[in-house]
Amino acid sequence: MSGGRLIVCPTPIGNLEDVTLRVLAALREADLVACEDTRRTRKLLDRYGVNAELISYHEHNESARAPELVARMSRGSVVALVSDAGMPLVSDPGFVLVRACVAAGLAVEVLPGPSAALAALVASALPADRWRFTGFLPRKEAELKAAFSNSETLVAFESPRRVAASLTALAELDPRRPVAVCRELTKLHEEVVRGSAAELAERFRAAAPQGEVVLVVGAAKPTAPDATPALDALQRLVGAGAKLRPAAAVVAELTGVPANALYRAFTSRR
C-alpha cells in the first residue's frame, strides 16, 4: 500500500516484548504517530530505536484532532494510530479518526496484535466459541445484572475497586456462575483467579485486587420457557380428540417445552 493512509497499530498491554515486527515497521514508516500519551509511547519507541514524530490523540481532543490528521493523510502522509495499550478503538480512542478516514476515502490498514480481552478469554478456561465483549461494566445495578444475564461468555474491563461489588451482584443472580478474574496480564505480577461468583466475591471483598483487571464470566443458564400456555394448548388438542403423545410432540416443537415434560405435567393434572 502507498500514499496517505492510516495504520492502526496495537501495542503491548504490559510486556514490551509483545510488540509485533509489523507494528515496529509501521511505526518506523509513519510520518506521524498519533497516541494517547506521548510519554508512554515514547518509552516503547525508545526501547526499539524508533525515531518518530508524535502527536497527542486522546478522548478529550479526538474530535478536533481527527480533521487535522485526515488533512495530512489526504496530502500523502502515513499516520500510525496507537493507544496506551492494546488495540485502538477497543475501549480506547480511535473510532472518530477511523470513521473520518473512511468518509474521506482514505485507506485504513489494521495490524493484529496484543489484546487484553482475548488474552483473558483464553486464560479463563471458559467457553470461547461464543462470547461478548462489553467494555467497562455498567455501574447501575439494573444494567449490571442485565449484562450478567448474557447467554454467552462475557468479557469486561473493571476497576479493581469495583470488582468485589460487581461479583457480589453476580452472586445474587447465580452464586455458582463460573468467573475468572485476570489481572496485570503479561506483566510481572500477572494472576488469573478462577472460581464461582460467590467464592470470588468473598475473596475480593476481603482484599481488592491490584492493577488492571479483566473479568470473564460464564454464560447465564437459559431460563426454561413457561409451560403453562403449552400445557393449555395440549389440553385443548386432547380435548378435541388428538392422542396425547403425538399432540405433546407437536406442541413441544412449536413452543420449545420438552415433550416429556408436557406429557408428565398433563398426566399429573388429570
Protein backbone atom coordinates (compact mmCIF):
# COMPACT_ATOMS: atom_id res chain seq x y z
CA MET A 1 0.00 0.00 0.00
CA SER A 2 1.27 3.50 -0.80
CA GLY A 3 0.09 7.08 -0.42
CA GLY A 4 -1.61 8.71 2.52
CA ARG A 5 -3.32 6.27 4.84
CA LEU A 6 -3.98 5.31 8.45
CA ILE A 7 -2.28 2.31 10.05
CA VAL A 8 -3.93 1.10 13.27
CA CYS A 9 -1.20 -0.39 15.45
CA PRO A 10 -1.92 -2.43 18.60
CA THR A 11 0.74 -2.03 21.29
CA PRO A 12 1.76 -4.27 24.22
CA ILE A 13 -0.69 -4.48 27.13
CA GLY A 14 2.18 -4.81 29.59
CA ASN A 15 5.27 -6.65 28.38
CA LEU A 16 7.03 -4.51 25.76
CA GLU A 17 8.38 -7.64 24.07
CA ASP A 18 4.87 -8.41 22.80
CA VAL A 19 5.05 -5.74 20.07
CA THR A 20 4.99 -7.30 16.59
CA LEU A 21 7.55 -6.83 13.85
CA ARG A 22 4.87 -5.41 11.56
CA VAL A 23 3.90 -2.80 14.12
CA LEU A 24 7.53 -1.74 14.54
CA ALA A 25 7.90 -1.49 10.76
CA ALA A 26 4.74 0.62 10.53
CA LEU A 27 5.91 2.94 13.30
CA ARG A 28 9.23 3.42 11.50
CA GLU A 29 7.48 4.09 8.20
CA ALA A 30 4.90 6.53 9.56
CA ASP A 31 5.29 10.24 9.06
CA LEU A 32 3.35 10.79 12.25
CA VAL A 33 2.32 8.64 15.22
CA ALA A 34 -0.96 9.62 16.91
CA CYS A 35 -1.00 8.39 20.51
CA GLU A 36 -2.89 8.78 23.78
CA ASP A 37 0.12 9.64 25.92
CA THR A 38 3.26 10.76 24.10
CA ARG A 39 5.45 9.90 27.10
CA ARG A 40 4.19 6.34 27.28
CA THR A 41 4.50 5.78 23.54
CA ARG A 42 7.99 7.32 23.53
CA LYS A 43 9.06 4.68 26.05
CA LEU A 44 8.03 1.93 23.61
CA LEU A 45 9.68 3.65 20.63
CA ASP A 46 12.93 4.25 22.52
CA ARG A 47 13.04 0.58 23.50
CA TYR A 48 13.20 -0.37 19.81
CA GLY A 49 15.12 2.60 18.44
CA VAL A 50 12.18 4.12 16.55
CA ASN A 51 12.51 7.83 15.93
CA ALA A 52 9.04 9.11 15.02
CA GLU A 53 7.13 12.35 15.29
CA LEU A 54 4.42 12.03 17.94
CA ILE A 55 1.14 13.90 18.26
CA SER A 56 -1.39 13.52 21.07
CA TYR A 57 -4.71 11.90 20.17
CA HIS A 58 -6.95 11.06 23.11
CA GLU A 59 -10.61 11.04 24.15
CA HIS A 60 -10.58 14.74 25.01
CA ASN A 61 -9.20 16.03 21.70
CA GLU A 62 -10.04 13.38 19.09
CA SER A 63 -12.97 15.27 17.58
CA ALA A 64 -10.76 18.29 16.94
CA ARG A 65 -7.64 16.33 16.03
CA ALA A 66 -9.24 13.92 13.53
CA PRO A 67 -9.82 16.54 10.76
CA GLU A 68 -6.22 17.69 11.11
CA LEU A 69 -4.90 14.14 10.70
CA VAL A 70 -7.23 13.43 7.78
CA ALA A 71 -5.95 16.57 6.05
CA ARG A 72 -2.36 15.39 6.44
CA MET A 73 -3.18 11.93 5.10
CA SER A 74 -5.03 13.50 2.18
CA ARG A 75 -1.75 15.23 1.31
CA GLY A 76 0.07 11.89 1.32
CA SER A 77 1.20 11.39 4.91
CA VAL A 78 1.14 7.99 6.62
CA VAL A 79 -0.29 8.18 10.15
CA ALA A 80 0.11 5.36 12.68
CA LEU A 81 -2.54 5.26 15.40
CA VAL A 82 -1.69 3.70 18.76
CA SER A 83 -3.31 3.68 22.19
CA ASP A 84 -1.53 3.32 25.52
CA ALA A 85 -2.05 -0.45 25.41
CA GLY A 86 -3.77 -2.97 23.19
CA MET A 87 -5.89 -2.35 20.11
CA PRO A 88 -7.03 1.23 19.45
CA LEU A 89 -10.84 1.72 19.39
CA VAL A 90 -11.41 -1.21 21.81
CA SER A 91 -12.33 0.86 24.88
CA ASP A 92 -9.73 3.35 23.61
CA PRO A 93 -9.80 6.39 21.30
CA GLY A 94 -9.69 6.00 17.53
CA PHE A 95 -13.26 5.48 16.34
CA VAL A 96 -13.68 9.12 15.29
CA LEU A 97 -10.48 9.02 13.23
CA VAL A 98 -11.24 5.72 11.52
CA ARG A 99 -14.73 6.92 10.59
CA ALA A 100 -13.29 10.18 9.26
CA CYS A 101 -10.74 8.31 7.15
CA VAL A 102 -13.41 6.04 5.67
CA ALA A 103 -15.62 9.05 4.90
CA ALA A 104 -12.68 10.77 3.15
CA GLY A 105 -11.90 7.69 1.07
CA LEU A 106 -8.54 7.09 2.77
CA ALA A 107 -7.13 3.60 3.23
CA VAL A 108 -7.24 2.16 6.74
CA GLU A 109 -4.84 -0.71 7.48
CA VAL A 110 -5.34 -2.62 10.75
CA LEU A 111 -2.49 -4.71 12.14
CA PRO A 112 -3.11 -7.63 14.52
CA GLY A 113 -1.54 -7.68 17.95
CA PRO A 114 -1.99 -7.78 21.73
CA SER A 115 -5.47 -7.65 23.26
CA ALA A 116 -6.26 -7.90 26.96
CA ALA A 117 -9.79 -9.11 26.16
CA LEU A 118 -8.58 -12.05 24.07
CA ALA A 119 -5.77 -12.98 26.46
CA ALA A 120 -8.21 -13.05 29.38
CA LEU A 121 -10.81 -15.04 27.46
CA VAL A 122 -8.33 -17.80 26.66
CA ALA A 123 -6.80 -17.78 30.17
CA SER A 124 -10.23 -18.03 31.80
CA ALA A 125 -10.75 -21.64 30.64
CA LEU A 126 -14.37 -20.69 29.88
CA PRO A 127 -16.05 -21.40 26.51
CA ALA A 128 -14.68 -19.16 23.78
CA ASP A 129 -16.83 -20.31 20.85
CA ARG A 130 -19.46 -17.64 21.57
CA TRP A 131 -18.53 -14.62 23.67
CA ARG A 132 -19.32 -10.93 24.08
CA PHE A 133 -17.07 -8.00 24.99
CA THR A 134 -18.84 -5.23 26.85
CA GLY A 135 -16.01 -2.78 27.58
CA PHE A 136 -16.22 -1.49 31.15
CA LEU A 137 -19.09 -2.94 33.18
CA PRO A 138 -22.02 -0.57 33.82
CA ARG A 139 -22.36 0.84 37.32
CA LYS A 140 -26.15 0.94 37.61
CA GLU A 141 -27.38 -2.22 39.30
CA ALA A 142 -30.12 -2.97 36.78
CA GLU A 143 -27.76 -2.55 33.81
CA LEU A 144 -25.07 -4.61 35.54
CA LYS A 145 -27.43 -7.51 36.21
CA ALA A 146 -28.69 -7.31 32.63
CA ALA A 147 -25.10 -7.68 31.40
CA PHE A 148 -24.64 -10.72 33.63
CA SER A 149 -27.78 -12.30 32.14
CA ASN A 150 -25.98 -12.69 28.82
CA SER A 151 -26.27 -16.13 27.20
CA GLU A 152 -22.63 -16.04 26.05
CA THR A 153 -19.32 -15.86 27.86
CA LEU A 154 -18.87 -12.24 28.92
CA VAL A 155 -15.54 -10.37 28.82
CA ALA A 156 -15.35 -6.98 30.53
CA PHE A 157 -12.92 -4.48 31.97
CA GLU A 158 -13.44 -3.49 35.60
CA SER A 159 -11.88 -1.11 38.09
CA PRO A 160 -10.08 -3.08 40.83
CA ARG A 161 -12.05 -1.05 43.40
CA ARG A 162 -15.34 -2.33 41.97
CA VAL A 163 -14.51 -6.00 41.41
CA ALA A 164 -15.99 -7.13 44.74
CA ALA A 165 -19.22 -5.15 44.21
CA SER A 166 -19.68 -6.46 40.68
CA LEU A 167 -19.06 -10.06 41.72
CA THR A 168 -21.46 -9.64 44.65
CA ALA A 169 -24.17 -8.51 42.20
CA LEU A 170 -23.43 -11.54 40.04
CA ALA A 171 -23.55 -13.88 43.05
CA GLU A 172 -27.04 -12.56 43.89
CA LEU A 173 -28.15 -13.77 40.45
CA ASP A 174 -26.23 -17.03 40.40
CA PRO A 175 -23.70 -17.80 43.16
CA ARG A 176 -22.30 -20.78 41.23
CA ARG A 177 -21.62 -18.90 37.98
CA PRO A 178 -18.01 -19.54 36.87
CA VAL A 179 -15.77 -16.47 36.80
CA ALA A 180 -12.14 -15.66 36.09
CA VAL A 181 -10.52 -12.50 37.43
CA CYS A 182 -7.49 -11.75 35.26
CA ARG A 183 -5.18 -9.00 36.41
CA GLU A 184 -1.93 -7.45 35.22
CA LEU A 185 -1.88 -9.64 32.10
CA THR A 186 1.60 -10.10 30.57
CA LYS A 187 3.16 -8.15 33.44
CA LEU A 188 5.44 -9.29 36.25
CA HIS A 189 2.58 -9.88 38.71
CA GLU A 190 0.11 -11.47 36.28
CA GLU A 191 -2.57 -13.50 38.03
CA VAL A 192 -5.65 -15.43 36.91
CA VAL A 193 -8.06 -16.43 39.69
CA ARG A 194 -10.87 -18.81 38.76
CA GLY A 195 -13.88 -19.83 40.85
CA SER A 196 -17.58 -19.31 41.43
CA ALA A 197 -19.11 -15.85 41.70
CA ALA A 198 -19.78 -16.38 45.42
CA GLU A 199 -16.24 -17.58 46.14
CA LEU A 200 -14.54 -14.75 44.30
CA ALA A 201 -16.90 -12.10 45.65
CA GLU A 202 -15.93 -13.15 49.18
CA ARG A 203 -12.24 -13.27 48.30
CA PHE A 204 -12.11 -9.78 46.81
CA ARG A 205 -14.31 -8.24 49.48
CA ALA A 206 -11.55 -9.19 51.89
CA ALA A 207 -8.79 -7.76 49.69
CA ALA A 208 -9.32 -5.81 46.47
CA PRO A 209 -7.14 -6.86 43.52
CA GLN A 210 -4.31 -4.60 42.40
CA GLY A 211 -3.64 -3.37 38.88
CA GLU A 212 -5.64 -3.64 35.66
CA VAL A 213 -8.43 -6.21 35.73
CA VAL A 214 -10.37 -8.13 33.08
CA LEU A 215 -13.39 -10.15 34.23
CA VAL A 216 -14.53 -13.21 32.29
CA VAL A 217 -17.97 -14.53 33.28
CA GLY A 218 -19.53 -17.80 32.19
CA ALA A 219 -22.77 -17.68 30.23
CA ALA A 220 -26.05 -17.45 32.11
CA LYS A 221 -28.08 -20.63 32.19
CA PRO A 222 -31.03 -20.44 29.79
CA THR A 223 -34.33 -19.93 31.53
CA ALA A 224 -36.92 -22.62 30.97
CA PRO A 225 -39.90 -21.48 28.89
CA ASP A 226 -43.21 -21.06 30.69
CA ALA A 227 -45.00 -24.36 30.20
CA THR A 228 -48.49 -23.10 31.11
CA PRO A 229 -49.55 -21.89 27.62
CA ALA A 230 -48.12 -25.07 26.04
CA LEU A 231 -49.93 -27.25 28.54
CA ASP A 232 -53.19 -25.41 27.89
CA ALA A 233 -52.74 -25.93 24.14
CA LEU A 234 -52.10 -29.64 24.71
CA GLN A 235 -55.26 -29.83 26.84
CA ARG A 236 -57.31 -28.35 24.00
CA LEU A 237 -55.83 -30.72 21.41
CA VAL A 238 -56.52 -33.81 23.54
CA GLY A 239 -59.97 -32.49 24.33
CA ALA A 240 -60.59 -32.24 20.59
CA GLY A 241 -59.71 -35.90 20.16
CA ALA A 242 -55.95 -35.89 19.49
CA LYS A 243 -53.80 -38.64 21.02
CA LEU A 244 -51.69 -37.43 23.92
CA ARG A 245 -48.16 -38.35 22.83
CA PRO A 246 -48.37 -37.11 19.21
CA ALA A 247 -50.07 -33.94 20.40
CA ALA A 248 -47.35 -33.37 23.02
CA ALA A 249 -44.68 -33.76 20.31
CA VAL A 250 -46.37 -31.16 18.09
CA VAL A 251 -46.81 -28.65 20.94
CA ALA A 252 -43.20 -29.21 22.03
CA GLU A 253 -41.93 -28.43 18.53
CA LEU A 254 -43.95 -25.22 18.39
CA THR A 255 -43.20 -23.94 21.91
CA GLY A 256 -39.81 -25.33 22.89
CA VAL A 257 -41.18 -27.02 26.01
CA PRO A 258 -39.88 -30.62 26.10
CA ALA A 259 -42.49 -33.19 25.06
CA ASN A 260 -41.73 -35.46 28.03
CA ALA A 261 -42.26 -32.55 30.42
CA LEU A 262 -45.58 -31.76 28.78
CA TYR A 263 -46.66 -35.40 28.97
CA ARG A 264 -45.79 -35.66 32.68
CA ALA A 265 -47.47 -32.36 33.52
CA PHE A 266 -50.60 -33.32 31.58
CA THR A 267 -50.96 -36.72 33.24
CA SER A 268 -50.39 -35.25 36.71
CA ARG A 269 -53.01 -32.54 36.04
CA ARG A 270 -55.71 -35.13 35.23
